[in-house]
């Protein structure tokens, strides 16, 4: 049964990576694809820990996942306020 979850995990991560690479024009779409990868990793860790260990580790994982999402949204809001849109082409990293 765990082998089925392995294949589902690989499918989810590969689809998240594909959307991350193909939709790299907007910051919001890249953040959504990264959150999908984190969600698939959470699903896999849940399935593994359900069979072998306690589920307390999932609370730490969810905490870091929520902090990562909040940090990404904060960067998105600051980029939209400073540049007016979320296109990566209008954002120059070398310019302050």
N, C-alpha and C. Protein backbone atom coordinates (compact mmCIF):
# COMPACT_ATOMS: atom_id res chain seq x y z
N UNK A 1 0.82 -1.20 0.00
CA UNK A 1 0.00 0.00 0.00
C UNK A 1 0.86 1.25 0.00
N UNK A 2 2.01 1.18 0.67
CA UNK A 2 2.89 2.34 0.71
C UNK A 2 3.49 2.62 -0.66
N UNK A 3 3.63 1.61 -1.48
CA UNK A 3 4.15 1.81 -2.83
C UNK A 3 3.20 2.66 -3.67
N UNK A 4 1.91 2.50 -3.47
CA UNK A 4 0.92 3.33 -4.16
C UNK A 4 1.09 4.79 -3.77
N UNK A 5 1.33 5.06 -2.48
CA UNK A 5 1.54 6.42 -2.02
C UNK A 5 2.83 7.01 -2.57
N UNK A 6 3.84 6.16 -2.75
CA UNK A 6 5.08 6.64 -3.37
C UNK A 6 4.83 7.12 -4.78
N UNK A 7 4.09 6.35 -5.56
CA UNK A 7 3.81 6.75 -6.93
C UNK A 7 2.94 8.00 -6.99
N UNK A 8 1.99 8.11 -6.09
CA UNK A 8 1.16 9.32 -6.05
C UNK A 8 1.99 10.54 -5.66
N UNK A 9 2.91 10.34 -4.72
CA UNK A 9 3.79 11.44 -4.32
C UNK A 9 4.64 11.90 -5.48
N UNK A 10 5.23 10.97 -6.21
CA UNK A 10 6.05 11.34 -7.36
C UNK A 10 5.22 12.05 -8.43
N UNK A 11 4.01 11.59 -8.65
CA UNK A 11 3.13 12.24 -9.62
C UNK A 11 2.79 13.66 -9.19
N UNK A 12 2.48 13.85 -7.92
CA UNK A 12 2.13 15.19 -7.42
C UNK A 12 3.33 16.13 -7.48
N UNK A 13 4.49 15.65 -7.08
CA UNK A 13 5.68 16.51 -7.10
C UNK A 13 6.07 16.86 -8.52
N UNK A 14 6.01 15.89 -9.42
CA UNK A 14 6.35 16.19 -10.82
C UNK A 14 5.36 17.15 -11.45
N UNK A 15 4.07 17.02 -11.14
CA UNK A 15 3.11 17.97 -11.68
C UNK A 15 3.30 19.36 -11.07
N UNK A 16 3.67 19.44 -9.80
CA UNK A 16 3.98 20.72 -9.18
C UNK A 16 5.23 21.35 -9.77
N UNK A 17 6.25 20.54 -10.02
CA UNK A 17 7.45 21.07 -10.66
C UNK A 17 7.19 21.51 -12.09
N UNK A 18 6.35 20.76 -12.81
CA UNK A 18 6.01 21.15 -14.17
C UNK A 18 5.28 22.49 -14.19
N UNK A 19 4.34 22.66 -13.28
CA UNK A 19 3.63 23.94 -13.24
C UNK A 19 4.56 25.06 -12.77
N UNK A 20 5.52 24.76 -11.91
CA UNK A 20 6.48 25.77 -11.47
C UNK A 20 7.36 26.23 -12.62
N UNK A 21 7.77 25.30 -13.46
CA UNK A 21 8.65 25.65 -14.57
C UNK A 21 7.88 26.29 -15.72
N UNK A 22 6.68 25.82 -15.99
CA UNK A 22 5.95 26.32 -17.15
C UNK A 22 5.24 27.64 -16.88
N UNK A 23 4.85 27.93 -15.67
CA UNK A 23 4.11 29.15 -15.34
C UNK A 23 4.99 30.11 -14.54
N UNK A 24 6.13 30.45 -15.06
CA UNK A 24 7.07 31.26 -14.30
C UNK A 24 6.99 32.75 -14.63
N UNK A 25 5.92 33.18 -15.27
CA UNK A 25 5.78 34.59 -15.60
C UNK A 25 5.27 35.40 -14.41
N UNK A 26 4.34 34.84 -13.64
CA UNK A 26 3.76 35.53 -12.49
C UNK A 26 4.29 34.94 -11.20
N UNK A 27 4.46 35.79 -10.21
CA UNK A 27 4.91 35.32 -8.91
C UNK A 27 3.83 34.52 -8.20
N UNK A 28 2.58 34.89 -8.36
CA UNK A 28 1.49 34.18 -7.69
C UNK A 28 1.38 32.73 -8.18
N UNK A 29 1.53 32.49 -9.46
CA UNK A 29 1.45 31.12 -9.97
C UNK A 29 2.63 30.27 -9.51
N UNK A 30 3.80 30.86 -9.38
CA UNK A 30 4.94 30.09 -8.86
C UNK A 30 4.75 29.79 -7.38
N UNK A 31 4.19 30.73 -6.63
CA UNK A 31 3.92 30.46 -5.21
C UNK A 31 2.87 29.37 -5.04
N UNK A 32 1.85 29.37 -5.89
CA UNK A 32 0.83 28.32 -5.81
C UNK A 32 1.41 26.94 -6.13
N UNK A 33 2.29 26.87 -7.12
CA UNK A 33 2.88 25.58 -7.45
C UNK A 33 3.83 25.10 -6.34
N UNK A 34 4.54 26.03 -5.69
CA UNK A 34 5.37 25.63 -4.56
C UNK A 34 4.53 25.15 -3.39
N UNK A 35 3.39 25.78 -3.16
CA UNK A 35 2.49 25.32 -2.10
C UNK A 35 1.90 23.95 -2.43
N UNK A 36 1.67 23.68 -3.71
CA UNK A 36 1.20 22.36 -4.10
C UNK A 36 2.25 21.29 -3.83
N UNK A 37 3.51 21.62 -4.05
CA UNK A 37 4.59 20.68 -3.75
C UNK A 37 4.67 20.44 -2.24
N UNK A 38 4.52 21.49 -1.44
CA UNK A 38 4.53 21.33 0.02
C UNK A 38 3.34 20.49 0.47
N UNK A 39 2.19 20.69 -0.15
CA UNK A 39 1.01 19.91 0.20
C UNK A 39 1.19 18.43 -0.16
N UNK A 40 1.82 18.15 -1.30
CA UNK A 40 2.07 16.76 -1.66
C UNK A 40 3.09 16.12 -0.72
N UNK A 41 4.08 16.90 -0.30
CA UNK A 41 5.04 16.39 0.67
C UNK A 41 4.36 16.13 2.01
N UNK A 42 3.43 17.00 2.40
CA UNK A 42 2.66 16.77 3.63
C UNK A 42 1.85 15.49 3.53
N UNK A 43 1.21 15.26 2.39
CA UNK A 43 0.43 14.04 2.18
C UNK A 43 1.31 12.79 2.30
N UNK A 44 2.48 12.84 1.72
CA UNK A 44 3.38 11.69 1.77
C UNK A 44 3.89 11.44 3.19
N UNK A 45 4.28 12.51 3.88
CA UNK A 45 4.77 12.35 5.25
C UNK A 45 3.66 11.84 6.15
N UNK A 46 2.43 12.30 5.92
CA UNK A 46 1.29 11.80 6.70
C UNK A 46 1.11 10.30 6.49
N UNK A 47 1.19 9.85 5.24
CA UNK A 47 1.01 8.42 4.96
C UNK A 47 2.13 7.59 5.57
N UNK A 48 3.35 8.07 5.53
CA UNK A 48 4.47 7.33 6.10
C UNK A 48 4.37 7.30 7.62
N UNK A 49 4.07 8.44 8.22
CA UNK A 49 4.01 8.48 9.68
C UNK A 49 2.79 7.76 10.22
N UNK A 50 1.75 7.65 9.43
CA UNK A 50 0.56 6.92 9.86
C UNK A 50 0.86 5.44 10.05
N UNK A 51 1.74 4.90 9.20
CA UNK A 51 2.08 3.49 9.29
C UNK A 51 3.15 3.19 10.33
N UNK A 52 4.04 4.13 10.60
CA UNK A 52 5.21 3.81 11.41
C UNK A 52 5.32 4.56 12.73
N UNK A 53 5.05 5.85 12.76
CA UNK A 53 5.35 6.67 13.93
C UNK A 53 4.13 7.47 14.37
N UNK A 54 4.35 8.34 15.35
CA UNK A 54 3.32 9.27 15.79
C UNK A 54 3.16 10.40 14.78
N UNK A 55 2.09 11.13 14.91
CA UNK A 55 1.79 12.19 13.97
C UNK A 55 2.14 13.58 14.50
N UNK A 56 2.91 13.67 15.60
CA UNK A 56 3.26 14.97 16.15
C UNK A 56 4.19 15.75 15.24
N UNK A 57 4.98 15.08 14.45
CA UNK A 57 5.89 15.75 13.53
C UNK A 57 5.12 16.57 12.50
N UNK A 58 3.90 16.17 12.19
CA UNK A 58 3.12 16.89 11.19
C UNK A 58 2.77 18.30 11.64
N UNK A 59 2.63 18.54 12.93
CA UNK A 59 2.36 19.89 13.42
C UNK A 59 3.55 20.81 13.15
N UNK A 60 4.76 20.31 13.32
CA UNK A 60 5.95 21.11 12.99
C UNK A 60 6.02 21.37 11.49
N UNK A 61 5.73 20.35 10.73
CA UNK A 61 5.77 20.51 9.27
C UNK A 61 4.73 21.52 8.79
N UNK A 62 3.53 21.45 9.34
CA UNK A 62 2.49 22.42 8.98
C UNK A 62 2.85 23.84 9.41
N UNK A 63 3.50 23.97 10.56
CA UNK A 63 3.93 25.29 11.01
C UNK A 63 4.92 25.91 10.05
N UNK A 64 5.90 25.13 9.62
CA UNK A 64 6.88 25.65 8.66
C UNK A 64 6.25 25.90 7.30
N UNK A 65 5.30 25.07 6.91
CA UNK A 65 4.61 25.28 5.63
C UNK A 65 3.78 26.55 5.63
N UNK A 66 3.11 26.83 6.74
CA UNK A 66 2.31 28.06 6.84
C UNK A 66 3.22 29.28 6.88
N UNK A 67 4.34 29.18 7.57
CA UNK A 67 5.29 30.30 7.61
C UNK A 67 5.87 30.56 6.23
N UNK A 68 6.14 29.53 5.47
CA UNK A 68 6.65 29.68 4.11
C UNK A 68 5.61 30.34 3.21
N UNK A 69 4.35 29.95 3.36
CA UNK A 69 3.28 30.56 2.57
C UNK A 69 3.06 32.01 2.94
N UNK A 70 3.11 32.34 4.22
CA UNK A 70 2.93 33.72 4.66
C UNK A 70 4.09 34.60 4.19
N UNK A 71 5.29 34.07 4.20
CA UNK A 71 6.45 34.82 3.70
C UNK A 71 6.32 35.07 2.20
N UNK A 72 5.87 34.08 1.45
CA UNK A 72 5.67 34.26 0.02
C UNK A 72 4.60 35.28 -0.29
N UNK A 73 3.50 35.26 0.47
CA UNK A 73 2.45 36.26 0.25
C UNK A 73 2.91 37.65 0.64
N UNK A 74 3.73 37.76 1.67
CA UNK A 74 4.29 39.06 2.04
C UNK A 74 5.18 39.62 0.94
N UNK A 75 5.99 38.77 0.34
CA UNK A 75 6.84 39.20 -0.77
C UNK A 75 5.98 39.59 -1.97
N UNK A 76 4.91 38.85 -2.21
CA UNK A 76 4.01 39.17 -3.31
C UNK A 76 3.34 40.53 -3.10
N UNK A 77 2.86 40.79 -1.90
CA UNK A 77 2.21 42.08 -1.62
C UNK A 77 3.19 43.23 -1.74
N UNK A 78 4.40 43.07 -1.22
CA UNK A 78 5.39 44.14 -1.33
C UNK A 78 5.81 44.37 -2.78
N UNK A 79 5.87 43.32 -3.57
CA UNK A 79 6.22 43.47 -4.98
C UNK A 79 5.11 44.17 -5.75
N UNK A 80 3.87 43.85 -5.45
CA UNK A 80 2.75 44.50 -6.14
C UNK A 80 2.66 45.97 -5.73
N UNK A 81 2.93 46.27 -4.47
CA UNK A 81 2.90 47.67 -4.04
C UNK A 81 4.03 48.49 -4.64
N UNK A 82 5.19 47.90 -4.80
CA UNK A 82 6.32 48.67 -5.31
C UNK A 82 6.36 48.73 -6.84
N UNK A 83 5.93 47.67 -7.52
CA UNK A 83 6.03 47.63 -8.98
C UNK A 83 4.69 47.69 -9.70
N UNK A 84 3.60 47.44 -9.01
CA UNK A 84 2.28 47.54 -9.63
C UNK A 84 1.77 46.25 -10.22
N UNK A 85 2.59 45.23 -10.36
CA UNK A 85 2.15 43.94 -10.88
C UNK A 85 3.06 42.85 -10.32
N UNK A 86 2.77 41.61 -10.70
CA UNK A 86 3.59 40.51 -10.19
C UNK A 86 4.36 39.80 -11.30
N UNK A 87 4.64 40.51 -12.37
CA UNK A 87 5.46 39.95 -13.44
C UNK A 87 6.92 39.94 -13.02
N UNK A 88 7.59 38.83 -13.32
CA UNK A 88 9.02 38.77 -13.02
C UNK A 88 9.83 39.62 -13.98
N UNK A 89 9.29 39.90 -15.16
CA UNK A 89 10.03 40.69 -16.14
C UNK A 89 10.16 42.14 -15.72
N UNK A 90 9.23 42.65 -14.92
CA UNK A 90 9.30 44.05 -14.47
C UNK A 90 10.10 44.20 -13.19
N UNK A 91 10.53 43.10 -12.61
CA UNK A 91 11.26 43.14 -11.35
C UNK A 91 12.73 42.89 -11.61
N UNK A 92 13.55 43.87 -11.29
CA UNK A 92 15.00 43.74 -11.46
C UNK A 92 15.60 43.51 -10.08
N UNK A 93 16.28 42.40 -9.92
CA UNK A 93 16.83 42.03 -8.61
C UNK A 93 18.02 42.90 -8.26
N UNK A 94 18.78 43.35 -9.24
CA UNK A 94 19.98 44.12 -8.97
C UNK A 94 19.69 45.57 -8.61
N UNK A 95 18.49 46.03 -8.86
CA UNK A 95 18.13 47.41 -8.57
C UNK A 95 17.45 47.48 -7.20
N UNK A 96 17.84 48.44 -6.37
CA UNK A 96 17.25 48.57 -5.04
C UNK A 96 16.04 49.47 -5.04
